[in-house]
Amino acid sequence: MTAHGELTLAGGPDVYWFVGGPLDGRVQTREPSEPAPATVRYMHLHDGPKIVHHYDLHEVAGHGGEYRLREYGG
């Protein structure tokens, strides 16, 4: 937090948000020195067939980013 009470991400962990699909709204943090994977694969296992979702990283201002659900053409 700055002297004026403003929040800042400087010096803290990088923050990654998940957008879309079953992980929508989930937040993940990692240390800036720990590289984030370009793609995250989420596999949903249940009694039926396995369902796989892919999330692609979109960097945001050097302090984390968004993992957006990959859209497949159809």
C-alpha atoms as a PDB file:
ATOM      1  CA  MET A   1       0.000   0.000   0.000  1.00  0.00           C
ATOM      2  CA  THR A   2       1.304   3.456  -0.819  1.00  0.00           C
ATOM      3  CA  ALA A   3       1.517   6.401   1.587  1.00  0.00           C
ATOM      4  CA  HIS A   4      -1.786   7.635   0.114  1.00  0.00           C
ATOM      5  CA  GLY A   5      -3.601   4.389   0.950  1.00  0.00           C
ATOM      6  CA  GLU A   6      -3.588   3.065  -2.636  1.00  0.00           C
ATOM      7  CA  LEU A   7      -3.110  -0.650  -3.251  1.00  0.00           C
ATOM      8  CA  THR A   8      -0.062  -1.677  -5.227  1.00  0.00           C
ATOM      9  CA  LEU A   9       1.179  -5.012  -6.565  1.00  0.00           C
ATOM     10  CA  ALA A  10       4.848  -3.999  -6.436  1.00  0.00           C
ATOM     11  CA  GLY A  11       6.874  -6.375  -4.307  1.00  0.00           C
ATOM     12  CA  GLY A  12       4.050  -8.874  -3.898  1.00  0.00           C
ATOM     13  CA  PRO A  13       3.104 -12.076  -5.689  1.00  0.00           C
ATOM     14  CA  ASP A  14       1.830 -12.096  -9.257  1.00  0.00           C
ATOM     15  CA  VAL A  15      -1.920 -12.703  -9.486  1.00  0.00           C
ATOM     16  CA  TYR A  16      -3.620 -14.804 -12.176  1.00  0.00           C
ATOM     17  CA  TRP A  17      -7.386 -14.918 -12.735  1.00  0.00           C
ATOM     18  CA  PHE A  18      -9.266 -17.684 -14.542  1.00  0.00           C
ATOM     19  CA  VAL A  19     -11.973 -16.523 -16.949  1.00  0.00           C
ATOM     20  CA  GLY A  20     -14.625 -18.881 -18.342  1.00  0.00           C
ATOM     21  CA  GLY A  21     -15.337 -22.568 -17.953  1.00  0.00           C
ATOM     22  CA  PRO A  22     -15.291 -24.512 -14.684  1.00  0.00           C
ATOM     23  CA  LEU A  23     -12.429 -22.455 -13.182  1.00  0.00           C
ATOM     24  CA  ASP A  24     -14.152 -19.099 -13.790  1.00  0.00           C
ATOM     25  CA  GLY A  25     -13.440 -16.700 -10.937  1.00  0.00           C
ATOM     26  CA  ARG A  26     -10.616 -18.748  -9.416  1.00  0.00           C
ATOM     27  CA  VAL A  27      -7.475 -16.810  -8.503  1.00  0.00           C
ATOM     28  CA  GLN A  28      -3.941 -18.174  -8.357  1.00  0.00           C
ATOM     29  CA  THR A  29      -0.836 -16.406  -7.055  1.00  0.00           C
ATOM     30  CA  ARG A  30       2.839 -17.158  -7.678  1.00  0.00           C
ATOM     31  CA  GLU A  31       6.108 -15.507  -6.872  1.00  0.00           C
ATOM     32  CA  PRO A  32       7.398 -13.214  -9.637  1.00  0.00           C
ATOM     33  CA  SER A  33      10.541 -15.362  -9.886  1.00  0.00           C
ATOM     34  CA  GLU A  34       8.397 -18.452 -10.641  1.00  0.00           C
ATOM     35  CA  PRO A  35       7.454 -18.461 -14.350  1.00  0.00           C
ATOM     36  CA  ALA A  36       3.781 -18.991 -15.152  1.00  0.00           C
ATOM     37  CA  PRO A  37       2.898 -21.697 -17.685  1.00  0.00           C
ATOM     38  CA  ALA A  38       1.524 -20.400 -20.995  1.00  0.00           C
ATOM     39  CA  THR A  39      -1.307 -22.952 -20.895  1.00  0.00           C
ATOM     40  CA  VAL A  40      -3.147 -24.633 -18.033  1.00  0.00           C
ATOM     41  CA  ARG A  41      -5.014 -27.891 -18.648  1.00  0.00           C
ATOM     42  CA  TYR A  42      -7.933 -28.704 -16.353  1.00  0.00           C
ATOM     43  CA  MET A  43      -9.318 -32.234 -16.491  1.00  0.00           C
ATOM     44  CA  HIS A  44     -12.753 -32.950 -15.019  1.00  0.00           C
ATOM     45  CA  LEU A  45     -13.098 -36.580 -14.006  1.00  0.00           C
ATOM     46  CA  HIS A  46     -16.483 -38.096 -13.178  1.00  0.00           C
ATOM     47  CA  ASP A  47     -18.473 -41.256 -13.965  1.00  0.00           C
ATOM     48  CA  GLY A  48     -18.846 -40.245 -17.615  1.00  0.00           C
ATOM     49  CA  PRO A  49     -16.163 -39.315 -20.158  1.00  0.00           C
ATOM     50  CA  LYS A  50     -13.323 -37.073 -19.023  1.00  0.00           C
ATOM     51  CA  ILE A  51     -13.733 -33.420 -19.966  1.00  0.00           C
ATOM     52  CA  VAL A  52     -10.609 -31.362 -20.685  1.00  0.00           C
ATOM     53  CA  HIS A  53     -10.479 -27.558 -20.718  1.00  0.00           C
ATOM     54  CA  HIS A  54      -7.464 -25.493 -21.776  1.00  0.00           C
ATOM     55  CA  TYR A  55      -6.754 -21.995 -20.486  1.00  0.00           C
ATOM     56  CA  ASP A  56      -4.288 -19.709 -22.277  1.00  0.00           C
ATOM     57  CA  LEU A  57      -2.305 -17.026 -20.432  1.00  0.00           C
ATOM     58  CA  HIS A  58      -2.816 -13.376 -21.350  1.00  0.00           C
ATOM     59  CA  GLU A  59      -0.259 -11.209 -19.503  1.00  0.00           C
ATOM     60  CA  VAL A  60      -1.479  -8.100 -17.663  1.00  0.00           C
ATOM     61  CA  ALA A  61       0.958  -5.236 -16.982  1.00  0.00           C
ATOM     62  CA  GLY A  62       3.779  -7.469 -15.773  1.00  0.00           C
ATOM     63  CA  HIS A  63       2.123  -8.421 -12.477  1.00  0.00           C
ATOM     64  CA  GLY A  64       0.257 -11.577 -13.481  1.00  0.00           C
ATOM     65  CA  GLY A  65      -2.498 -12.078 -15.988  1.00  0.00           C
ATOM     66  CA  GLU A  66      -5.656 -13.851 -17.015  1.00  0.00           C
ATOM     67  CA  TYR A  67      -6.027 -17.463 -17.974  1.00  0.00           C
ATOM     68  CA  ARG A  68      -8.824 -17.380 -20.546  1.00  0.00           C
ATOM     69  CA  LEU A  69     -10.745 -20.474 -21.576  1.00  0.00           C
ATOM     70  CA  ARG A  70      -9.565 -21.554 -25.018  1.00  0.00           C
ATOM     71  CA  GLU A  71     -12.296 -21.255 -27.606  1.00  0.00           C
ATOM     72  CA  TYR A  72     -12.467 -23.923 -30.256  1.00  0.00           C
ATOM     73  CA  GLY A  73     -13.892 -23.066 -33.686  1.00  0.00           C
ATOM     74  CA  GLY A  74     -17.137 -24.687 -34.540  1.00  0.00           C
END
